[in-house]
Amino acid sequence: MTRQLALLGSAFGLMLSAGAAGAVDLPIRKPGLWEMKMVRTGGPLPEMTMQHCTDETTDKEMSTAASPMAKQMCSKQDIQKTATGYVSDSVCGIAGVNVTSHAEITGDFNSAYSVKTTSHSEGGPSGAHDATMTIEAKWLGACKSDQKPGDIVMPGGMKMNVKDMEKLKALLPKQAPK
């Protein structure tokens, strides 16, 4: 159960950061099936790979759906265009944990992109810690016949749809035990 909550939390954090709008909006990804490999240090799950089926409408909906939650959960959420891509800085509170993060995003959003994030977390059962995470995303082609835009297939085959973000948010712990 703890592993599933950690996976759920990672996925939620990814969706929140992917959809959050700041001074600049991130480009819409090429429609189809994207593989996202996350490699993390300083956290409970060192590596996981998931697949995300998307289309232009879903990526736009993620931006508009996540923005109110990002505004509610984040005191700072800023994305700026740089010479090599984008930089994102945020300060958010999720499930009683305060997270300050800095991300560098590069790539073309048509065939591949990369997100390198450093974060500092305080609160929760593990106390304060620093972590780094790299997401390497690559476009695989058309979505599979049993997938619809918004579907995310997690390790072990667990499937969810980003359009159910409010339900996902409800599954996360409200406050870390003290």
N, C-alpha and C. Protein backbone atom coordinates (compact mmCIF):
# COMPACT_ATOMS: atom_id res chain seq x y z
N MET A 1 0.82 -1.19 0.00
CA MET A 1 0.00 0.00 0.00
C MET A 1 0.87 1.26 0.00
N THR A 2 1.95 1.27 0.77
CA THR A 2 2.84 2.42 0.82
C THR A 2 3.46 2.67 -0.54
N ARG A 3 3.88 1.60 -1.23
CA ARG A 3 4.46 1.73 -2.55
C ARG A 3 3.44 2.33 -3.52
N GLN A 4 2.18 1.88 -3.44
CA GLN A 4 1.15 2.41 -4.33
C GLN A 4 0.90 3.88 -4.05
N LEU A 5 0.88 4.28 -2.78
CA LEU A 5 0.71 5.69 -2.44
C LEU A 5 1.88 6.51 -2.95
N ALA A 6 3.09 5.98 -2.84
CA ALA A 6 4.26 6.69 -3.35
C ALA A 6 4.17 6.84 -4.86
N LEU A 7 3.75 5.78 -5.56
CA LEU A 7 3.57 5.86 -7.02
C LEU A 7 2.49 6.88 -7.35
N LEU A 8 1.40 6.84 -6.61
CA LEU A 8 0.30 7.75 -6.82
C LEU A 8 0.76 9.19 -6.59
N GLY A 9 1.49 9.40 -5.52
CA GLY A 9 2.01 10.73 -5.21
C GLY A 9 2.96 11.23 -6.28
N SER A 10 3.85 10.36 -6.77
CA SER A 10 4.77 10.73 -7.84
C SER A 10 4.01 11.10 -9.10
N ALA A 11 3.02 10.30 -9.44
CA ALA A 11 2.22 10.57 -10.64
C ALA A 11 1.46 11.87 -10.48
N PHE A 12 0.88 12.10 -9.30
CA PHE A 12 0.13 13.32 -9.06
C PHE A 12 1.04 14.53 -9.16
N GLY A 13 2.20 14.43 -8.54
CA GLY A 13 3.16 15.53 -8.61
C GLY A 13 3.59 15.81 -10.04
N LEU A 14 3.80 14.77 -10.79
CA LEU A 14 4.17 14.92 -12.20
C LEU A 14 3.06 15.62 -12.97
N MET A 15 1.81 15.19 -12.77
CA MET A 15 0.69 15.80 -13.49
C MET A 15 0.50 17.25 -13.07
N LEU A 16 0.65 17.53 -11.78
CA LEU A 16 0.49 18.88 -11.30
C LEU A 16 1.54 19.79 -11.91
N SER A 17 2.81 19.33 -11.91
CA SER A 17 3.86 20.16 -12.47
C SER A 17 3.77 20.25 -13.98
N ALA A 18 3.32 19.17 -14.64
CA ALA A 18 3.20 19.20 -16.09
C ALA A 18 2.10 20.13 -16.53
N GLY A 19 1.05 20.24 -15.75
CA GLY A 19 -0.07 21.05 -16.15
C GLY A 19 -0.07 22.46 -15.61
N ALA A 20 0.81 22.76 -14.68
CA ALA A 20 0.76 24.07 -14.04
C ALA A 20 1.22 25.17 -14.98
N ALA A 21 0.53 26.27 -14.95
CA ALA A 21 0.89 27.39 -15.79
C ALA A 21 1.58 28.46 -14.95
N GLY A 22 2.53 29.13 -15.55
CA GLY A 22 3.23 30.21 -14.87
C GLY A 22 3.26 31.40 -15.82
N ALA A 23 4.38 32.11 -15.85
CA ALA A 23 4.51 33.25 -16.74
C ALA A 23 4.50 32.79 -18.20
N VAL A 24 4.91 31.56 -18.45
CA VAL A 24 4.97 30.97 -19.79
C VAL A 24 4.31 29.60 -19.73
N ASP A 25 3.56 29.23 -20.74
CA ASP A 25 2.98 27.89 -20.81
C ASP A 25 3.93 26.97 -21.56
N LEU A 26 4.02 25.72 -21.10
CA LEU A 26 4.82 24.73 -21.81
C LEU A 26 4.11 24.36 -23.10
N PRO A 27 4.88 23.94 -24.13
CA PRO A 27 4.24 23.52 -25.38
C PRO A 27 3.38 22.27 -25.18
N ILE A 28 2.41 22.08 -26.07
CA ILE A 28 1.58 20.89 -26.07
C ILE A 28 2.40 19.76 -26.69
N ARG A 29 2.35 18.57 -26.06
CA ARG A 29 3.09 17.43 -26.58
C ARG A 29 2.42 16.86 -27.82
N LYS A 30 3.22 16.21 -28.65
CA LYS A 30 2.70 15.53 -29.82
C LYS A 30 1.69 14.47 -29.37
N PRO A 31 0.53 14.39 -30.01
CA PRO A 31 -0.46 13.38 -29.64
C PRO A 31 0.08 11.96 -29.82
N GLY A 32 -0.32 11.06 -28.93
CA GLY A 32 0.09 9.67 -29.03
C GLY A 32 0.55 9.13 -27.69
N LEU A 33 1.34 8.06 -27.74
CA LEU A 33 1.80 7.38 -26.54
C LEU A 33 3.21 7.83 -26.19
N TRP A 34 3.36 8.34 -24.99
CA TRP A 34 4.65 8.80 -24.47
C TRP A 34 5.12 7.86 -23.37
N GLU A 35 6.38 7.47 -23.43
CA GLU A 35 7.00 6.70 -22.35
C GLU A 35 7.79 7.69 -21.50
N MET A 36 7.56 7.64 -20.17
CA MET A 36 8.25 8.53 -19.25
C MET A 36 9.01 7.69 -18.24
N LYS A 37 10.32 7.78 -18.31
CA LYS A 37 11.18 7.06 -17.36
C LYS A 37 11.65 8.07 -16.32
N MET A 38 11.30 7.79 -15.05
CA MET A 38 11.69 8.66 -13.96
C MET A 38 12.78 7.98 -13.14
N VAL A 39 13.90 8.67 -13.00
CA VAL A 39 15.00 8.19 -12.17
C VAL A 39 15.15 9.20 -11.04
N ARG A 40 15.06 8.69 -9.80
CA ARG A 40 15.05 9.57 -8.62
C ARG A 40 16.11 9.13 -7.62
N THR A 41 16.77 10.13 -7.03
CA THR A 41 17.66 9.87 -5.90
C THR A 41 17.09 10.59 -4.70
N GLY A 42 17.27 10.04 -3.54
CA GLY A 42 16.79 10.68 -2.31
C GLY A 42 15.33 10.43 -2.03
N GLY A 43 14.75 9.40 -2.63
CA GLY A 43 13.35 9.10 -2.40
C GLY A 43 13.12 7.61 -2.30
N PRO A 44 11.87 7.20 -2.02
CA PRO A 44 11.58 5.78 -1.81
C PRO A 44 11.64 4.93 -3.08
N LEU A 45 11.43 5.53 -4.24
CA LEU A 45 11.42 4.78 -5.49
C LEU A 45 12.52 5.30 -6.40
N PRO A 46 13.63 4.55 -6.56
CA PRO A 46 14.73 5.06 -7.36
C PRO A 46 14.39 5.21 -8.85
N GLU A 47 13.54 4.32 -9.38
CA GLU A 47 13.25 4.38 -10.81
C GLU A 47 11.89 3.78 -11.12
N MET A 48 11.18 4.39 -12.05
CA MET A 48 9.95 3.80 -12.55
C MET A 48 9.68 4.33 -13.96
N THR A 49 9.01 3.53 -14.75
CA THR A 49 8.66 3.91 -16.11
C THR A 49 7.15 3.79 -16.26
N MET A 50 6.54 4.79 -16.86
CA MET A 50 5.10 4.76 -17.11
C MET A 50 4.85 5.21 -18.54
N GLN A 51 3.66 4.91 -19.02
CA GLN A 51 3.27 5.35 -20.34
C GLN A 51 2.04 6.23 -20.23
N HIS A 52 2.00 7.28 -21.05
CA HIS A 52 0.91 8.24 -21.01
C HIS A 52 0.37 8.45 -22.42
N CYS A 53 -0.90 8.15 -22.62
CA CYS A 53 -1.59 8.39 -23.88
C CYS A 53 -2.16 9.80 -23.83
N THR A 54 -1.85 10.62 -24.84
CA THR A 54 -2.33 11.99 -24.81
C THR A 54 -2.74 12.47 -26.19
N ASP A 55 -3.50 13.54 -26.19
CA ASP A 55 -3.82 14.26 -27.42
C ASP A 55 -3.80 15.75 -27.07
N GLU A 56 -3.98 16.60 -28.07
CA GLU A 56 -3.88 18.05 -27.84
C GLU A 56 -4.91 18.52 -26.82
N THR A 57 -6.13 18.03 -26.93
CA THR A 57 -7.20 18.42 -26.01
C THR A 57 -6.86 18.04 -24.58
N THR A 58 -6.35 16.82 -24.37
CA THR A 58 -6.01 16.34 -23.03
C THR A 58 -4.88 17.16 -22.42
N ASP A 59 -3.84 17.46 -23.21
CA ASP A 59 -2.74 18.26 -22.68
C ASP A 59 -3.24 19.65 -22.29
N LYS A 60 -4.10 20.25 -23.10
CA LYS A 60 -4.66 21.56 -22.76
C LYS A 60 -5.53 21.46 -21.51
N GLU A 61 -6.35 20.39 -21.42
CA GLU A 61 -7.20 20.19 -20.24
C GLU A 61 -6.35 20.00 -18.99
N MET A 62 -5.21 19.31 -19.11
CA MET A 62 -4.32 19.13 -17.96
C MET A 62 -3.87 20.49 -17.46
N SER A 63 -3.56 21.40 -18.36
CA SER A 63 -3.13 22.74 -17.97
C SER A 63 -4.23 23.47 -17.23
N THR A 64 -5.45 23.46 -17.78
CA THR A 64 -6.53 24.19 -17.14
C THR A 64 -7.03 23.49 -15.89
N ALA A 65 -6.99 22.14 -15.86
CA ALA A 65 -7.45 21.39 -14.68
C ALA A 65 -6.45 21.49 -13.54
N ALA A 66 -5.17 21.47 -13.87
CA ALA A 66 -4.15 21.51 -12.82
C ALA A 66 -3.94 22.90 -12.26
N SER A 67 -4.17 23.92 -13.07
CA SER A 67 -3.89 25.28 -12.61
C SER A 67 -4.62 25.66 -11.32
N PRO A 68 -5.94 25.39 -11.19
CA PRO A 68 -6.58 25.73 -9.91
C PRO A 68 -5.98 24.96 -8.73
N MET A 69 -5.63 23.66 -8.95
CA MET A 69 -5.02 22.89 -7.87
C MET A 69 -3.64 23.42 -7.56
N ALA A 70 -2.87 23.79 -8.60
CA ALA A 70 -1.54 24.33 -8.38
C ALA A 70 -1.64 25.63 -7.59
N LYS A 71 -2.61 26.47 -7.94
CA LYS A 71 -2.78 27.74 -7.21
C LYS A 71 -3.15 27.47 -5.76
N GLN A 72 -3.95 26.43 -5.52
CA GLN A 72 -4.38 26.10 -4.17
C GLN A 72 -3.23 25.49 -3.36
N MET A 73 -2.39 24.67 -4.00
CA MET A 73 -1.35 23.93 -3.30
C MET A 73 0.01 24.60 -3.34
N CYS A 74 0.23 25.52 -4.28
CA CYS A 74 1.56 26.11 -4.47
C CYS A 74 1.54 27.61 -4.21
N SER A 75 2.47 28.06 -3.38
CA SER A 75 2.60 29.50 -3.13
C SER A 75 3.43 30.16 -4.22
N LYS A 76 4.20 29.34 -4.96
CA LYS A 76 4.99 29.85 -6.09
C LYS A 76 4.95 28.79 -7.19
N GLN A 77 4.69 29.21 -8.41
CA GLN A 77 4.68 28.30 -9.55
C GLN A 77 5.02 29.16 -10.76
N ASP A 78 6.27 29.06 -11.23
CA ASP A 78 6.74 29.95 -12.28
C ASP A 78 7.48 29.15 -13.35
N ILE A 79 7.11 29.37 -14.61
CA ILE A 79 7.80 28.73 -15.74
C ILE A 79 8.30 29.85 -16.65
N GLN A 80 9.58 29.80 -17.00
CA GLN A 80 10.18 30.80 -17.88
C GLN A 80 10.85 30.11 -19.06
N LYS A 81 10.77 30.73 -20.23
CA LYS A 81 11.46 30.25 -21.43
C LYS A 81 12.93 30.64 -21.32
N THR A 82 13.82 29.71 -21.70
CA THR A 82 15.26 29.99 -21.71
C THR A 82 15.79 29.72 -23.12
N ALA A 83 17.08 29.93 -23.32
CA ALA A 83 17.69 29.69 -24.63
C ALA A 83 17.66 28.20 -25.00
N THR A 84 17.65 27.32 -24.00
CA THR A 84 17.70 25.88 -24.28
C THR A 84 16.39 25.15 -23.98
N GLY A 85 15.39 25.84 -23.49
CA GLY A 85 14.12 25.18 -23.15
C GLY A 85 13.32 26.01 -22.18
N TYR A 86 13.09 25.44 -20.99
CA TYR A 86 12.28 26.11 -19.97
C TYR A 86 12.88 25.84 -18.59
N VAL A 87 12.59 26.74 -17.66
CA VAL A 87 12.97 26.57 -16.26
C VAL A 87 11.72 26.79 -15.43
N SER A 88 11.50 25.91 -14.45
CA SER A 88 10.34 26.00 -13.58
C SER A 88 10.82 26.04 -12.13
N ASP A 89 10.25 26.95 -11.36
CA ASP A 89 10.51 27.03 -9.92
C ASP A 89 9.18 27.02 -9.20
N SER A 90 9.08 26.19 -8.15
CA SER A 90 7.82 26.11 -7.41
C SER A 90 8.05 25.84 -5.94
N VAL A 91 7.05 26.25 -5.16
CA VAL A 91 6.98 25.94 -3.73
C VAL A 91 5.55 25.46 -3.50
N CYS A 92 5.42 24.17 -3.14
CA CYS A 92 4.09 23.57 -3.00
C CYS A 92 3.98 22.78 -1.70
N GLY A 93 2.75 22.61 -1.24
CA GLY A 93 2.46 21.78 -0.08
C GLY A 93 1.52 20.67 -0.49
N ILE A 94 1.97 19.42 -0.35
CA ILE A 94 1.17 18.26 -0.71
C ILE A 94 1.18 17.28 0.45
N ALA A 95 0.01 16.94 0.95
CA ALA A 95 -0.14 15.95 2.03
C ALA A 95 0.73 16.27 3.25
N GLY A 96 0.78 17.56 3.63
CA GLY A 96 1.54 17.95 4.81
C GLY A 96 3.03 18.07 4.59
N VAL A 97 3.48 17.94 3.35
CA VAL A 97 4.90 18.05 3.01
C VAL A 97 5.08 19.30 2.16
N ASN A 98 6.03 20.17 2.55
CA ASN A 98 6.35 21.36 1.77
C ASN A 98 7.53 21.04 0.87
N VAL A 99 7.37 21.31 -0.44
CA VAL A 99 8.39 20.96 -1.43
C VAL A 99 8.77 22.21 -2.22
N THR A 100 10.07 22.52 -2.22
CA THR A 100 10.62 23.58 -3.05
C THR A 100 11.39 22.90 -4.17
N SER A 101 11.07 23.24 -5.42
CA SER A 101 11.73 22.54 -6.53
C SER A 101 12.15 23.50 -7.64
N HIS A 102 13.16 23.05 -8.37
CA HIS A 102 13.69 23.76 -9.53
C HIS A 102 13.84 22.73 -10.64
N ALA A 103 13.26 23.01 -11.81
CA ALA A 103 13.32 22.06 -12.93
C ALA A 103 13.83 22.73 -14.18
N GLU A 104 14.64 21.98 -14.94
CA GLU A 104 15.10 22.43 -16.25
C GLU A 104 14.52 21.48 -17.27
N ILE A 105 13.81 22.03 -18.25
CA ILE A 105 13.08 21.25 -19.24
C ILE A 105 13.67 21.52 -20.61
N THR A 106 14.09 20.46 -21.30
CA THR A 106 14.64 20.59 -22.64
C THR A 106 14.00 19.56 -23.56
N GLY A 107 14.06 19.82 -24.85
CA GLY A 107 13.51 18.88 -25.82
C GLY A 107 12.51 19.56 -26.73
N ASP A 108 11.94 18.77 -27.63
CA ASP A 108 11.07 19.36 -28.64
C ASP A 108 9.58 19.07 -28.46
N PHE A 109 9.19 18.26 -27.50
CA PHE A 109 7.80 17.90 -27.21
C PHE A 109 7.11 17.20 -28.39
N ASN A 110 7.89 16.83 -29.42
CA ASN A 110 7.37 16.08 -30.56
C ASN A 110 7.94 14.67 -30.61
N SER A 111 9.20 14.52 -30.20
CA SER A 111 9.81 13.19 -30.20
C SER A 111 10.40 12.84 -28.84
N ALA A 112 10.88 13.84 -28.11
CA ALA A 112 11.49 13.57 -26.79
C ALA A 112 11.66 14.88 -26.03
N TYR A 113 11.61 14.75 -24.71
CA TYR A 113 11.95 15.88 -23.84
C TYR A 113 12.49 15.32 -22.53
N SER A 114 13.17 16.18 -21.79
CA SER A 114 13.78 15.79 -20.53
C SER A 114 13.46 16.85 -19.48
N VAL A 115 13.19 16.38 -18.25
CA VAL A 115 12.95 17.27 -17.12
C VAL A 115 13.90 16.86 -16.01
N LYS A 116 14.80 17.76 -15.62
CA LYS A 116 15.73 17.50 -14.52
C LYS A 116 15.32 18.39 -13.36
N THR A 117 14.93 17.75 -12.24
CA THR A 117 14.39 18.47 -11.10
C THR A 117 15.23 18.23 -9.85
N THR A 118 15.50 19.30 -9.11
CA THR A 118 16.08 19.18 -7.78
C THR A 118 15.02 19.73 -6.82
N SER A 119 14.86 19.05 -5.68
CA SER A 119 13.84 19.49 -4.73
C SER A 119 14.32 19.32 -3.30
N HIS A 120 13.71 20.12 -2.44
CA HIS A 120 13.94 20.02 -1.00
C HIS A 120 12.57 19.90 -0.34
N SER A 121 12.40 18.84 0.43
CA SER A 121 11.12 18.58 1.11
C SER A 121 11.28 18.69 2.60
N GLU A 122 10.25 19.23 3.26
CA GLU A 122 10.21 19.29 4.72
C GLU A 122 8.84 18.85 5.18
N GLY A 123 8.82 18.08 6.26
CA GLY A 123 7.56 17.58 6.80
C GLY A 123 7.34 16.14 6.39
N GLY A 124 6.25 15.58 6.84
CA GLY A 124 5.96 14.19 6.51
C GLY A 124 6.76 13.24 7.36
N PRO A 125 6.54 11.93 7.18
CA PRO A 125 7.20 10.93 8.01
C PRO A 125 8.71 10.85 7.83
N SER A 126 9.23 11.26 6.67
CA SER A 126 10.67 11.14 6.45
C SER A 126 11.44 12.40 6.81
N GLY A 127 10.75 13.45 7.27
CA GLY A 127 11.43 14.67 7.66
C GLY A 127 11.96 15.42 6.46
N ALA A 128 13.01 16.22 6.66
CA ALA A 128 13.59 17.02 5.58
C ALA A 128 14.55 16.18 4.77
N HIS A 129 14.48 16.32 3.45
CA HIS A 129 15.45 15.66 2.59
C HIS A 129 15.49 16.32 1.21
N ASP A 130 16.61 16.12 0.54
CA ASP A 130 16.80 16.63 -0.81
C ASP A 130 16.69 15.46 -1.78
N ALA A 131 16.22 15.75 -2.97
CA ALA A 131 16.08 14.70 -3.98
C ALA A 131 16.32 15.30 -5.36
N THR A 132 16.72 14.46 -6.27
CA THR A 132 16.80 14.84 -7.67
C THR A 132 16.00 13.82 -8.47
N MET A 133 15.37 14.29 -9.52
CA MET A 133 14.62 13.39 -10.38
C MET A 133 14.82 13.83 -11.82
N THR A 134 15.04 12.86 -12.67
CA THR A 134 15.13 13.12 -14.10
C THR A 134 14.02 12.34 -14.78
N ILE A 135 13.28 13.01 -15.63
CA ILE A 135 12.26 12.36 -16.44
C ILE A 135 12.73 12.42 -17.88
N GLU A 136 12.89 11.26 -18.47
CA GLU A 136 13.23 11.17 -19.89
C GLU A 136 11.98 10.69 -20.59
N ALA A 137 11.38 11.54 -21.42
CA ALA A 137 10.15 11.18 -22.11
C ALA A 137 10.43 11.02 -23.60
N LYS A 138 9.87 9.96 -24.17
CA LYS A 138 10.01 9.78 -25.62
C LYS A 138 8.68 9.34 -26.21
N TRP A 139 8.43 9.81 -27.41
CA TRP A 139 7.20 9.50 -28.12
C TRP A 139 7.34 8.12 -28.73
N LEU A 140 6.37 7.24 -28.48
CA LEU A 140 6.44 5.87 -28.97
C LEU A 140 5.61 5.64 -30.24
N GLY A 141 4.63 6.49 -30.49
CA GLY A 141 3.74 6.32 -31.63
C GLY A 141 2.30 6.51 -31.20
N ALA A 142 1.41 5.89 -31.92
CA ALA A 142 -0.02 6.00 -31.60
C ALA A 142 -0.32 5.29 -30.28
N CYS A 143 -1.36 5.75 -29.59
CA CYS A 143 -1.81 5.08 -28.37
C CYS A 143 -2.29 3.68 -28.73
N LYS A 144 -2.22 2.78 -27.75
CA LYS A 144 -2.69 1.40 -27.97
C LYS A 144 -4.21 1.40 -28.10
N SER A 145 -4.74 0.36 -28.72
CA SER A 145 -6.18 0.29 -29.01
C SER A 145 -7.05 0.33 -27.76
N ASP A 146 -6.53 -0.13 -26.62
CA ASP A 146 -7.33 -0.12 -25.39
C ASP A 146 -7.10 1.13 -24.54
N GLN A 147 -6.41 2.13 -25.09
CA GLN A 147 -6.12 3.36 -24.35
C GLN A 147 -6.91 4.52 -24.92
N LYS A 148 -7.24 5.45 -24.02
CA LYS A 148 -7.87 6.70 -24.45
C LYS A 148 -7.01 7.85 -23.93
N PRO A 149 -7.09 9.02 -24.57
CA PRO A 149 -6.27 10.14 -24.12
C PRO A 149 -6.46 10.41 -22.63
N GLY A 150 -5.34 10.60 -21.95
CA GLY A 150 -5.33 10.83 -20.51
C GLY A 150 -4.92 9.61 -19.71
N ASP A 151 -4.98 8.41 -20.34
CA ASP A 151 -4.61 7.19 -19.63
C ASP A 151 -3.12 7.17 -19.31
N ILE A 152 -2.80 6.79 -18.08
CA ILE A 152 -1.42 6.57 -17.65
C ILE A 152 -1.35 5.13 -17.16
N VAL A 153 -0.38 4.38 -17.69
CA VAL A 153 -0.16 3.01 -17.24
C VAL A 153 1.10 3.03 -16.38
N MET A 154 0.91 2.71 -15.10
CA MET A 154 2.00 2.73 -14.13
C MET A 154 2.69 1.38 -14.11
N PRO A 155 3.87 1.29 -13.44
CA PRO A 155 4.51 -0.02 -13.29
C PRO A 155 3.55 -1.01 -12.64
N GLY A 156 3.60 -2.24 -13.07
CA GLY A 156 2.71 -3.26 -12.54
C GLY A 156 1.35 -3.26 -13.22
N GLY A 157 1.14 -2.36 -14.19
CA GLY A 157 -0.10 -2.36 -14.95
C GLY A 157 -1.21 -1.50 -14.38
N MET A 158 -1.00 -0.85 -13.22
CA MET A 158 -2.04 0.02 -12.67
C MET A 158 -2.32 1.14 -13.67
N LYS A 159 -3.61 1.35 -13.97
CA LYS A 159 -3.99 2.33 -14.98
C LYS A 159 -4.89 3.38 -14.36
N MET A 160 -4.65 4.64 -14.70
CA MET A 160 -5.51 5.73 -14.26
C MET A 160 -5.59 6.75 -15.38
N ASN A 161 -6.51 7.68 -15.27
CA ASN A 161 -6.67 8.70 -16.28
C ASN A 161 -6.52 10.06 -15.62
N VAL A 162 -5.73 10.95 -16.26
CA VAL A 162 -5.47 12.27 -15.67
C VAL A 162 -6.74 13.09 -15.51
N LYS A 163 -7.79 12.71 -16.23
CA LYS A 163 -9.05 13.44 -16.09
C LYS A 163 -9.71 13.15 -14.74
N ASP A 164 -9.18 12.17 -14.01
CA ASP A 164 -9.67 11.83 -12.68
C ASP A 164 -8.79 12.45 -11.60
N MET A 165 -8.15 13.59 -11.88
CA MET A 165 -7.20 14.19 -10.94
C MET A 165 -7.83 14.53 -9.60
N GLU A 166 -9.07 14.97 -9.58
CA GLU A 166 -9.73 15.28 -8.31
C GLU A 166 -9.87 14.01 -7.46
N LYS A 167 -10.18 12.88 -8.11
CA LYS A 167 -10.26 11.61 -7.38
C LYS A 167 -8.89 11.23 -6.87
N LEU A 168 -7.86 11.43 -7.68
CA LEU A 168 -6.49 11.12 -7.28
C LEU A 168 -6.09 11.97 -6.08
N LYS A 169 -6.42 13.25 -6.13
CA LYS A 169 -6.10 14.15 -5.02
C LYS A 169 -6.77 13.67 -3.73
N ALA A 170 -7.99 13.17 -3.83
CA ALA A 170 -8.71 12.69 -2.66
C ALA A 170 -8.07 11.46 -2.03
N LEU A 171 -7.29 10.68 -2.81
CA LEU A 171 -6.64 9.48 -2.29
C LEU A 171 -5.37 9.78 -1.51
N LEU A 172 -4.78 10.96 -1.75
CA LEU A 172 -3.55 11.31 -1.04
C LEU A 172 -3.86 11.66 0.40
N PRO A 173 -2.93 11.34 1.33
CA PRO A 173 -3.16 11.69 2.74
C PRO A 173 -3.30 13.21 2.89
N LYS A 174 -4.23 13.61 3.74
CA LYS A 174 -4.49 15.04 3.93
C LYS A 174 -3.37 15.73 4.69
N GLN A 175 -2.87 15.08 5.70
CA GLN A 175 -1.83 15.67 6.55
C GLN A 175 -0.94 14.53 7.04
N ALA A 176 0.35 14.78 7.02
CA ALA A 176 1.28 13.78 7.54
C ALA A 176 1.10 13.67 9.05
N PRO A 177 1.18 12.44 9.60
CA PRO A 177 1.05 12.30 11.06
C PRO A 177 2.18 13.00 11.78
N LYS A 178 1.86 13.59 12.93
CA LYS A 178 2.88 14.32 13.70
C LYS A 178 3.44 13.48 14.80
